[in-house]
Amino acid sequence: MKEILETIINNLVDDKDSVSINEIDGEKSIVFEVKVAESDMGKVIGKQGKIAQSIRNIMKAVSTKVHKRVSVEFLG
């Protein structure tokens, strides 16, 4: 799942070297902490958070395979 999230984020940002994704795997959930450069934060979040919400929806759909709850947090 992390690879899918990395692919999505890397295609959105200009500074691919500053992207870091931390995966926190719990018993019933997985949390992905996404850090990007300040200049790319707007591209990842989008207008009114629509791109960020779309990324979360994709990850929730992918998470049905592992039967865990997934959340994606964008850190500045």
C-alpha atoms as a PDB file:
ATOM      1  CA  MET A   1       0.000   0.000   0.000  1.00  0.00           C
ATOM      2  CA  LYS A   2       2.830   2.380   0.748  1.00  0.00           C
ATOM      3  CA  GLU A   3       4.098   1.999  -2.822  1.00  0.00           C
ATOM      4  CA  ILE A   4       0.737   3.100  -4.220  1.00  0.00           C
ATOM      5  CA  LEU A   5       0.717   6.184  -1.995  1.00  0.00           C
ATOM      6  CA  GLU A   6       4.317   7.007  -2.962  1.00  0.00           C
ATOM      7  CA  THR A   7       3.437   6.791  -6.653  1.00  0.00           C
ATOM      8  CA  ILE A   8       0.466   9.128  -6.257  1.00  0.00           C
ATOM      9  CA  ILE A   9       2.374  11.701  -4.193  1.00  0.00           C
ATOM     10  CA  ASN A  10       5.480  11.650  -6.408  1.00  0.00           C
ATOM     11  CA  ASN A  11       3.363  12.359  -9.480  1.00  0.00           C
ATOM     12  CA  LEU A  12       1.833  15.423  -7.810  1.00  0.00           C
ATOM     13  CA  VAL A  13       4.930  17.176  -6.422  1.00  0.00           C
ATOM     14  CA  ASP A  14       7.870  18.965  -8.060  1.00  0.00           C
ATOM     15  CA  ASP A  15      10.459  18.197  -5.338  1.00  0.00           C
ATOM     16  CA  LYS A  16      10.398  14.391  -5.222  1.00  0.00           C
ATOM     17  CA  ASP A  17      13.455  14.246  -2.938  1.00  0.00           C
ATOM     18  CA  SER A  18      11.623  15.954  -0.073  1.00  0.00           C
ATOM     19  CA  VAL A  19       8.791  13.412   0.006  1.00  0.00           C
ATOM     20  CA  SER A  20       8.797  11.109   3.007  1.00  0.00           C
ATOM     21  CA  ILE A  21       6.067   8.688   3.986  1.00  0.00           C
ATOM     22  CA  ASN A  22       6.036   7.150   7.446  1.00  0.00           C
ATOM     23  CA  GLU A  23       3.850   4.073   7.944  1.00  0.00           C
ATOM     24  CA  ILE A  24       2.545   3.387  11.453  1.00  0.00           C
ATOM     25  CA  ASP A  25       1.037  -0.085  11.502  1.00  0.00           C
ATOM     26  CA  GLY A  26      -1.332  -0.833  14.358  1.00  0.00           C
ATOM     27  CA  GLU A  27      -3.429  -3.844  15.212  1.00  0.00           C
ATOM     28  CA  LYS A  28      -6.573  -2.597  13.476  1.00  0.00           C
ATOM     29  CA  SER A  29      -5.358   0.436  11.557  1.00  0.00           C
ATOM     30  CA  ILE A  30      -2.561   1.872   9.454  1.00  0.00           C
ATOM     31  CA  VAL A  31      -1.606   5.545   9.535  1.00  0.00           C
ATOM     32  CA  PHE A  32       0.456   7.096   6.757  1.00  0.00           C
ATOM     33  CA  GLU A  33       2.206  10.359   7.614  1.00  0.00           C
ATOM     34  CA  VAL A  34       3.083  12.192   4.409  1.00  0.00           C
ATOM     35  CA  LYS A  35       5.659  14.990   4.480  1.00  0.00           C
ATOM     36  CA  VAL A  36       6.338  17.121   1.412  1.00  0.00           C
ATOM     37  CA  ALA A  37       8.086  20.426   0.766  1.00  0.00           C
ATOM     38  CA  GLU A  38       6.147  23.542   1.773  1.00  0.00           C
ATOM     39  CA  SER A  39       5.971  24.639  -1.863  1.00  0.00           C
ATOM     40  CA  ASP A  40       4.297  21.345  -2.831  1.00  0.00           C
ATOM     41  CA  MET A  41       1.791  21.201   0.033  1.00  0.00           C
ATOM     42  CA  GLY A  42      -0.877  23.049  -1.966  1.00  0.00           C
ATOM     43  CA  LYS A  43      -0.537  20.621  -4.854  1.00  0.00           C
ATOM     44  CA  VAL A  44      -1.059  17.640  -2.565  1.00  0.00           C
ATOM     45  CA  ILE A  45      -4.017  19.118  -0.676  1.00  0.00           C
ATOM     46  CA  GLY A  46      -5.726  20.834  -3.618  1.00  0.00           C
ATOM     47  CA  LYS A  47      -8.530  23.358  -3.614  1.00  0.00           C
ATOM     48  CA  GLN A  48     -10.735  22.872  -0.557  1.00  0.00           C
ATOM     49  CA  GLY A  49      -8.845  19.635   0.169  1.00  0.00           C
ATOM     50  CA  LYS A  50     -10.302  17.759  -2.784  1.00  0.00           C
ATOM     51  CA  ILE A  51      -7.059  16.083  -3.880  1.00  0.00           C
ATOM     52  CA  ALA A  52      -6.232  15.077  -0.300  1.00  0.00           C
ATOM     53  CA  GLN A  53      -9.706  13.589   0.095  1.00  0.00           C
ATOM     54  CA  SER A  54      -9.337  11.700  -3.184  1.00  0.00           C
ATOM     55  CA  ILE A  55      -6.012  10.253  -2.011  1.00  0.00           C
ATOM     56  CA  ARG A  56      -7.661   9.138   1.238  1.00  0.00           C
ATOM     57  CA  ASN A  57     -10.513   7.511  -0.705  1.00  0.00           C
ATOM     58  CA  ILE A  58      -8.098   5.579  -2.917  1.00  0.00           C
ATOM     59  CA  MET A  59      -6.158   4.342   0.113  1.00  0.00           C
ATOM     60  CA  LYS A  60      -9.366   3.270   1.862  1.00  0.00           C
ATOM     61  CA  ALA A  61     -10.361   1.294  -1.219  1.00  0.00           C
ATOM     62  CA  VAL A  62      -6.946  -0.404  -1.345  1.00  0.00           C
ATOM     63  CA  SER A  63      -7.089  -1.175   2.396  1.00  0.00           C
ATOM     64  CA  THR A  64     -10.034  -3.531   1.983  1.00  0.00           C
ATOM     65  CA  LYS A  65      -7.538  -6.234   0.976  1.00  0.00           C
ATOM     66  CA  VAL A  66      -5.806  -6.166   4.364  1.00  0.00           C
ATOM     67  CA  HIS A  67      -8.989  -5.596   6.400  1.00  0.00           C
ATOM     68  CA  LYS A  68      -7.549  -2.621   8.272  1.00  0.00           C
ATOM     69  CA  ARG A  69      -8.610   0.975   8.631  1.00  0.00           C
ATOM     70  CA  VAL A  70      -6.309   3.416   6.806  1.00  0.00           C
ATOM     71  CA  SER A  71      -5.807   7.120   7.391  1.00  0.00           C
ATOM     72  CA  VAL A  72      -3.511   9.520   5.582  1.00  0.00           C
ATOM     73  CA  GLU A  73      -2.168  12.589   7.369  1.00  0.00           C
ATOM     74  CA  PHE A  74      -0.400  15.415   5.546  1.00  0.00           C
ATOM     75  CA  LEU A  75       2.286  17.099   7.644  1.00  0.00           C
ATOM     76  CA  GLY A  76       3.817  20.439   6.778  1.00  0.00           C
END
